[in-house]
Amino acid sequence: MYEVEVKVRADHDAVRERLAELEAERVGAVEQVDTYYGAPHREFAETDEALRVRAETPADGDPVHELTYKGPKVDADSKTRREHETRVGDPEATDAALRALGFEPVATVEKLRERYRVDGYTVTLDDVGGLGEYVEVEREGTDDEVDAIREGALDVLRQLGLDPDEQVRTSYLGLQLAEE
């Protein structure tokens, strides 16, 4: 499965107004804390890969933890990449197992996320610690759906009054590391 994603810097107040005009469905809000790991056998920054453990806490619930591997981007027009994700029952044991295999934490990215649904896409308003406000439009699909999904995501950006030419293809981790 591929995650097809486009992202731009944007003022959330203006985007919320457009979402209201589009009668978007508000899905909810969460806090995420992502711990990224470096590999002992290759440099993920060079291979454009990522391995993380995410703690996601909804406003009205308990945290859920997931382990995610993100492969390299597959095109030059979006942040589309192959993604493998699984729930983690014990994040401390997962961290211990990863460290025992030589994977070490390299950075933590914290976000407040507000999610909406528009035309079958998830629109996420991200307030990223130390980086500011961004909007992501994404949807999953198979290899043969990637192009159509990407074009649809760019259309959703336009509906929100955002310019696809201002797309940011760097991950929040990459942006954060560039700031340091």
C-alpha atoms as a PDB file:
ATOM      1  CA  MET A   1       0.000   0.000   0.000  1.00  0.00           C
ATOM      2  CA  TYR A   2       1.171   3.521  -0.756  1.00  0.00           C
ATOM      3  CA  GLU A   3       0.543   6.676   1.235  1.00  0.00           C
ATOM      4  CA  VAL A   4      -0.021   9.510  -1.239  1.00  0.00           C
ATOM      5  CA  GLU A   5       0.515  12.817   0.532  1.00  0.00           C
ATOM      6  CA  VAL A   6       0.925  16.472  -0.347  1.00  0.00           C
ATOM      7  CA  LYS A   7       1.867  19.090   2.238  1.00  0.00           C
ATOM      8  CA  VAL A   8       2.114  22.899   2.335  1.00  0.00           C
ATOM      9  CA  ARG A   9       2.744  25.555   4.966  1.00  0.00           C
ATOM     10  CA  ALA A  10      -0.559  27.280   5.665  1.00  0.00           C
ATOM     11  CA  ASP A  11      -2.442  29.439   8.117  1.00  0.00           C
ATOM     12  CA  HIS A  12      -4.930  27.159   9.852  1.00  0.00           C
ATOM     13  CA  ASP A  13      -7.582  29.820  10.421  1.00  0.00           C
ATOM     14  CA  ALA A  14      -7.948  30.468   6.681  1.00  0.00           C
ATOM     15  CA  VAL A  15      -8.019  26.733   5.928  1.00  0.00           C
ATOM     16  CA  ARG A  16     -10.676  26.107   8.603  1.00  0.00           C
ATOM     17  CA  GLU A  17     -12.870  28.740   6.909  1.00  0.00           C
ATOM     18  CA  ARG A  18     -12.529  26.952   3.559  1.00  0.00           C
ATOM     19  CA  LEU A  19     -13.208  23.581   5.227  1.00  0.00           C
ATOM     20  CA  ALA A  20     -16.429  24.996   6.673  1.00  0.00           C
ATOM     21  CA  GLU A  21     -17.445  26.331   3.248  1.00  0.00           C
ATOM     22  CA  LEU A  22     -16.768  22.892   1.744  1.00  0.00           C
ATOM     23  CA  GLU A  23     -18.826  21.286   4.534  1.00  0.00           C
ATOM     24  CA  ALA A  24     -15.886  19.053   5.433  1.00  0.00           C
ATOM     25  CA  GLU A  25     -16.442  16.448   8.114  1.00  0.00           C
ATOM     26  CA  ARG A  26     -14.276  17.040  11.188  1.00  0.00           C
ATOM     27  CA  VAL A  27     -12.860  13.652  12.183  1.00  0.00           C
ATOM     28  CA  GLY A  28     -11.113  14.677  15.406  1.00  0.00           C
ATOM     29  CA  ALA A  29      -7.930  15.929  16.985  1.00  0.00           C
ATOM     30  CA  VAL A  30      -4.932  14.088  18.376  1.00  0.00           C
ATOM     31  CA  GLU A  31      -1.527  14.728  19.854  1.00  0.00           C
ATOM     32  CA  GLN A  32       1.319  12.725  18.329  1.00  0.00           C
ATOM     33  CA  VAL A  33       4.800  12.112  19.608  1.00  0.00           C
ATOM     34  CA  ASP A  34       6.992  10.380  17.022  1.00  0.00           C
ATOM     35  CA  THR A  35      10.318   8.841  18.004  1.00  0.00           C
ATOM     36  CA  TYR A  36      12.511   8.222  14.948  1.00  0.00           C
ATOM     37  CA  TYR A  37      15.265   5.621  14.902  1.00  0.00           C
ATOM     38  CA  GLY A  38      18.517   5.406  12.996  1.00  0.00           C
ATOM     39  CA  ALA A  39      19.588   2.081  11.495  1.00  0.00           C
ATOM     40  CA  PRO A  40      22.898   0.374  12.259  1.00  0.00           C
ATOM     41  CA  HIS A  41      23.310  -0.893   8.668  1.00  0.00           C
ATOM     42  CA  ARG A  42      22.450   2.180   6.546  1.00  0.00           C
ATOM     43  CA  GLU A  43      21.813   5.909   6.803  1.00  0.00           C
ATOM     44  CA  PHE A  44      18.072   6.545   6.508  1.00  0.00           C
ATOM     45  CA  ALA A  45      18.645  10.216   5.646  1.00  0.00           C
ATOM     46  CA  GLU A  46      20.605   9.081   2.572  1.00  0.00           C
ATOM     47  CA  THR A  47      18.145   6.333   1.559  1.00  0.00           C
ATOM     48  CA  ASP A  48      15.059   8.527   2.237  1.00  0.00           C
ATOM     49  CA  GLU A  49      13.580   5.974   4.640  1.00  0.00           C
ATOM     50  CA  ALA A  50      12.187   6.323   8.147  1.00  0.00           C
ATOM     51  CA  LEU A  51      11.455   4.056  11.100  1.00  0.00           C
ATOM     52  CA  ARG A  52       9.400   5.440  13.957  1.00  0.00           C
ATOM     53  CA  VAL A  53       7.329   4.594  16.980  1.00  0.00           C
ATOM     54  CA  ARG A  54       4.319   6.904  17.321  1.00  0.00           C
ATOM     55  CA  ALA A  55       2.290   7.617  20.432  1.00  0.00           C
ATOM     56  CA  GLU A  56      -1.066   9.052  19.373  1.00  0.00           C
ATOM     57  CA  THR A  57      -3.384  10.410  22.040  1.00  0.00           C
ATOM     58  CA  PRO A  58      -6.903  11.508  21.115  1.00  0.00           C
ATOM     59  CA  ALA A  59      -8.426  14.349  23.127  1.00  0.00           C
ATOM     60  CA  ASP A  60     -10.794  11.937  24.850  1.00  0.00           C
ATOM     61  CA  GLY A  61      -8.837   8.688  25.047  1.00  0.00           C
ATOM     62  CA  ASP A  62      -5.786   6.656  25.867  1.00  0.00           C
ATOM     63  CA  PRO A  63      -2.629   6.648  23.734  1.00  0.00           C
ATOM     64  CA  VAL A  64      -2.241   4.180  20.881  1.00  0.00           C
ATOM     65  CA  HIS A  65       1.257   3.186  19.744  1.00  0.00           C
ATOM     66  CA  GLU A  66       2.337   2.200  16.237  1.00  0.00           C
ATOM     67  CA  LEU A  67       5.581   1.115  14.611  1.00  0.00           C
ATOM     68  CA  THR A  68       5.949   2.494  11.073  1.00  0.00           C
ATOM     69  CA  TYR A  69       8.471   1.954   8.296  1.00  0.00           C
ATOM     70  CA  LYS A  70       8.360   4.472   5.429  1.00  0.00           C
ATOM     71  CA  GLY A  71      10.191   3.664   2.217  1.00  0.00           C
ATOM     72  CA  PRO A  72      11.772   6.189  -0.136  1.00  0.00           C
ATOM     73  CA  LYS A  73       9.543   8.616  -2.045  1.00  0.00           C
ATOM     74  CA  VAL A  74       8.434   7.131  -5.357  1.00  0.00           C
ATOM     75  CA  ASP A  75       7.871  10.314  -7.381  1.00  0.00           C
ATOM     76  CA  ALA A  76       9.007  13.911  -7.653  1.00  0.00           C
ATOM     77  CA  ASP A  77       5.505  15.393  -7.391  1.00  0.00           C
ATOM     78  CA  SER A  78       4.441  14.376  -3.869  1.00  0.00           C
ATOM     79  CA  LYS A  79       5.508  12.581  -0.714  1.00  0.00           C
ATOM     80  CA  THR A  80       4.167   9.235  -1.984  1.00  0.00           C
ATOM     81  CA  ARG A  81       5.932   6.261  -0.464  1.00  0.00           C
ATOM     82  CA  ARG A  82       5.379   2.642   0.505  1.00  0.00           C
ATOM     83  CA  GLU A  83       4.407   2.378   4.158  1.00  0.00           C
ATOM     84  CA  HIS A  84       4.176  -0.540   6.586  1.00  0.00           C
ATOM     85  CA  GLU A  85       2.517   0.071   9.929  1.00  0.00           C
ATOM     86  CA  THR A  86       1.494  -2.064  12.887  1.00  0.00           C
ATOM     87  CA  ARG A  87       0.101  -1.464  16.351  1.00  0.00           C
ATOM     88  CA  VAL A  88       2.442  -1.818  19.284  1.00  0.00           C
ATOM     89  CA  GLY A  89       1.095  -3.143  22.573  1.00  0.00           C
ATOM     90  CA  ASP A  90       4.164  -2.289  24.650  1.00  0.00           C
ATOM     91  CA  PRO A  91       6.171   0.711  23.405  1.00  0.00           C
ATOM     92  CA  GLU A  92       8.911   0.235  26.021  1.00  0.00           C
ATOM     93  CA  ALA A  93       9.497  -3.367  24.909  1.00  0.00           C
ATOM     94  CA  THR A  94       9.493  -2.227  21.261  1.00  0.00           C
ATOM     95  CA  ASP A  95      12.113   0.424  22.056  1.00  0.00           C
ATOM     96  CA  ALA A  96      14.214  -2.169  23.921  1.00  0.00           C
ATOM     97  CA  ALA A  97      13.994  -4.625  21.001  1.00  0.00           C
ATOM     98  CA  LEU A  98      14.954  -1.960  18.457  1.00  0.00           C
ATOM     99  CA  ARG A  99      17.917  -0.843  20.588  1.00  0.00           C
ATOM    100  CA  ALA A 100      19.051  -4.445  21.044  1.00  0.00           C
ATOM    101  CA  LEU A 101      19.152  -4.723  17.244  1.00  0.00           C
ATOM    102  CA  GLY A 102      21.276  -1.561  17.001  1.00  0.00           C
ATOM    103  CA  PHE A 103      18.537   0.942  16.132  1.00  0.00           C
ATOM    104  CA  GLU A 104      18.931   4.136  18.166  1.00  0.00           C
ATOM    105  CA  PRO A 105      16.540   7.061  18.670  1.00  0.00           C
ATOM    106  CA  VAL A 106      17.705  10.083  16.658  1.00  0.00           C
ATOM    107  CA  ALA A 107      14.881  12.603  17.082  1.00  0.00           C
ATOM    108  CA  THR A 108      11.393  13.222  18.418  1.00  0.00           C
ATOM    109  CA  VAL A 109       8.740  15.187  16.527  1.00  0.00           C
ATOM    110  CA  GLU A 110       5.653  16.448  18.366  1.00  0.00           C
ATOM    111  CA  LYS A 111       2.449  17.503  16.585  1.00  0.00           C
ATOM    112  CA  LEU A 112      -1.067  18.579  17.337  1.00  0.00           C
ATOM    113  CA  ARG A 113      -3.253  17.314  14.480  1.00  0.00           C
ATOM    114  CA  GLU A 114      -6.787  18.218  13.520  1.00  0.00           C
ATOM    115  CA  ARG A 115      -8.311  15.935  10.868  1.00  0.00           C
ATOM    116  CA  TYR A 116     -11.092  16.459   8.325  1.00  0.00           C
ATOM    117  CA  ARG A 117     -12.547  14.460   5.407  1.00  0.00           C
ATOM    118  CA  VAL A 118     -12.943  16.095   1.984  1.00  0.00           C
ATOM    119  CA  ASP A 119     -13.845  14.160  -1.173  1.00  0.00           C
ATOM    120  CA  GLY A 120     -12.455  10.894   0.211  1.00  0.00           C
ATOM    121  CA  TYR A 121      -9.180  12.492   1.364  1.00  0.00           C
ATOM    122  CA  THR A 122      -7.924  13.153   4.860  1.00  0.00           C
ATOM    123  CA  VAL A 123      -7.023  16.805   5.378  1.00  0.00           C
ATOM    124  CA  THR A 124      -4.815  17.295   8.417  1.00  0.00           C
ATOM    125  CA  LEU A 125      -4.015  20.621  10.028  1.00  0.00           C
ATOM    126  CA  ASP A 126      -0.666  20.097  11.747  1.00  0.00           C
ATOM    127  CA  ASP A 127       0.839  22.351  14.388  1.00  0.00           C
ATOM    128  CA  VAL A 128       4.366  20.977  14.564  1.00  0.00           C
ATOM    129  CA  GLY A 129       6.526  21.812  17.577  1.00  0.00           C
ATOM    130  CA  GLY A 130       9.222  24.292  16.552  1.00  0.00           C
ATOM    131  CA  LEU A 131       8.175  24.307  12.876  1.00  0.00           C
ATOM    132  CA  GLY A 132       4.748  25.942  12.673  1.00  0.00           C
ATOM    133  CA  GLU A 133       1.508  25.211  10.829  1.00  0.00           C
ATOM    134  CA  TYR A 134       1.126  22.875   7.854  1.00  0.00           C
ATOM    135  CA  VAL A 135      -1.719  21.248   5.949  1.00  0.00           C
ATOM    136  CA  GLU A 136      -1.479  17.708   4.606  1.00  0.00           C
ATOM    137  CA  VAL A 137      -3.852  16.056   2.162  1.00  0.00           C
ATOM    138  CA  GLU A 138      -3.501  12.298   1.879  1.00  0.00           C
ATOM    139  CA  ARG A 139      -5.046   9.003   0.936  1.00  0.00           C
ATOM    140  CA  GLU A 140      -3.792   5.445   0.612  1.00  0.00           C
ATOM    141  CA  GLY A 141      -3.876   3.456  -2.585  1.00  0.00           C
ATOM    142  CA  THR A 142      -2.313   0.731  -4.665  1.00  0.00           C
ATOM    143  CA  ASP A 143       0.493   1.212  -7.172  1.00  0.00           C
ATOM    144  CA  ASP A 144      -1.895   1.678 -10.105  1.00  0.00           C
ATOM    145  CA  GLU A 145      -3.935   4.313  -8.204  1.00  0.00           C
ATOM    146  CA  VAL A 146      -1.049   6.591  -7.168  1.00  0.00           C
ATOM    147  CA  ASP A 147      -1.232   9.058 -10.076  1.00  0.00           C
ATOM    148  CA  ALA A 148      -4.996   9.586  -9.826  1.00  0.00           C
ATOM    149  CA  ILE A 149      -4.863   9.917  -6.036  1.00  0.00           C
ATOM    150  CA  ARG A 150      -2.023  12.461  -6.262  1.00  0.00           C
ATOM    151  CA  GLU A 151      -3.979  14.575  -8.781  1.00  0.00           C
ATOM    152  CA  GLY A 152      -7.037  14.400  -6.522  1.00  0.00           C
ATOM    153  CA  ALA A 153      -4.956  15.507  -3.521  1.00  0.00           C
ATOM    154  CA  LEU A 154      -3.621  18.480  -5.473  1.00  0.00           C
ATOM    155  CA  ASP A 155      -7.206  19.373  -6.416  1.00  0.00           C
ATOM    156  CA  VAL A 156      -8.209  19.296  -2.720  1.00  0.00           C
ATOM    157  CA  LEU A 157      -5.329  21.698  -1.976  1.00  0.00           C
ATOM    158  CA  ARG A 158      -6.700  24.054  -4.620  1.00  0.00           C
ATOM    159  CA  GLN A 159     -10.222  23.782  -3.140  1.00  0.00           C
ATOM    160  CA  LEU A 160      -8.705  24.855   0.187  1.00  0.00           C
ATOM    161  CA  GLY A 161      -7.212  27.947  -1.452  1.00  0.00           C
ATOM    162  CA  LEU A 162      -3.674  26.555  -1.254  1.00  0.00           C
ATOM    163  CA  ASP A 163      -1.055  26.505  -3.994  1.00  0.00           C
ATOM    164  CA  PRO A 164       0.254  23.031  -4.939  1.00  0.00           C
ATOM    165  CA  ASP A 165       3.410  24.703  -6.267  1.00  0.00           C
ATOM    166  CA  GLU A 166       4.287  25.573  -2.657  1.00  0.00           C
ATOM    167  CA  GLN A 167       4.385  21.907  -1.713  1.00  0.00           C
ATOM    168  CA  VAL A 168       6.911  20.812   0.929  1.00  0.00           C
ATOM    169  CA  ARG A 169       8.305  17.340   0.206  1.00  0.00           C
ATOM    170  CA  THR A 170      10.609  17.247   3.225  1.00  0.00           C
ATOM    171  CA  SER A 171       9.318  15.287   6.212  1.00  0.00           C
ATOM    172  CA  TYR A 172       8.765  16.978   9.554  1.00  0.00           C
ATOM    173  CA  LEU A 173      11.778  15.036  10.805  1.00  0.00           C
ATOM    174  CA  GLY A 174      13.896  16.420   7.952  1.00  0.00           C
ATOM    175  CA  LEU A 175      12.626  19.947   8.564  1.00  0.00           C
ATOM    176  CA  GLN A 176      13.342  19.650  12.279  1.00  0.00           C
ATOM    177  CA  LEU A 177      16.851  18.292  11.730  1.00  0.00           C
ATOM    178  CA  ALA A 178      17.562  21.118   9.251  1.00  0.00           C
ATOM    179  CA  GLU A 179      16.583  23.646  11.980  1.00  0.00           C
ATOM    180  CA  GLU A 180      19.091  22.175  14.470  1.00  0.00           C
END
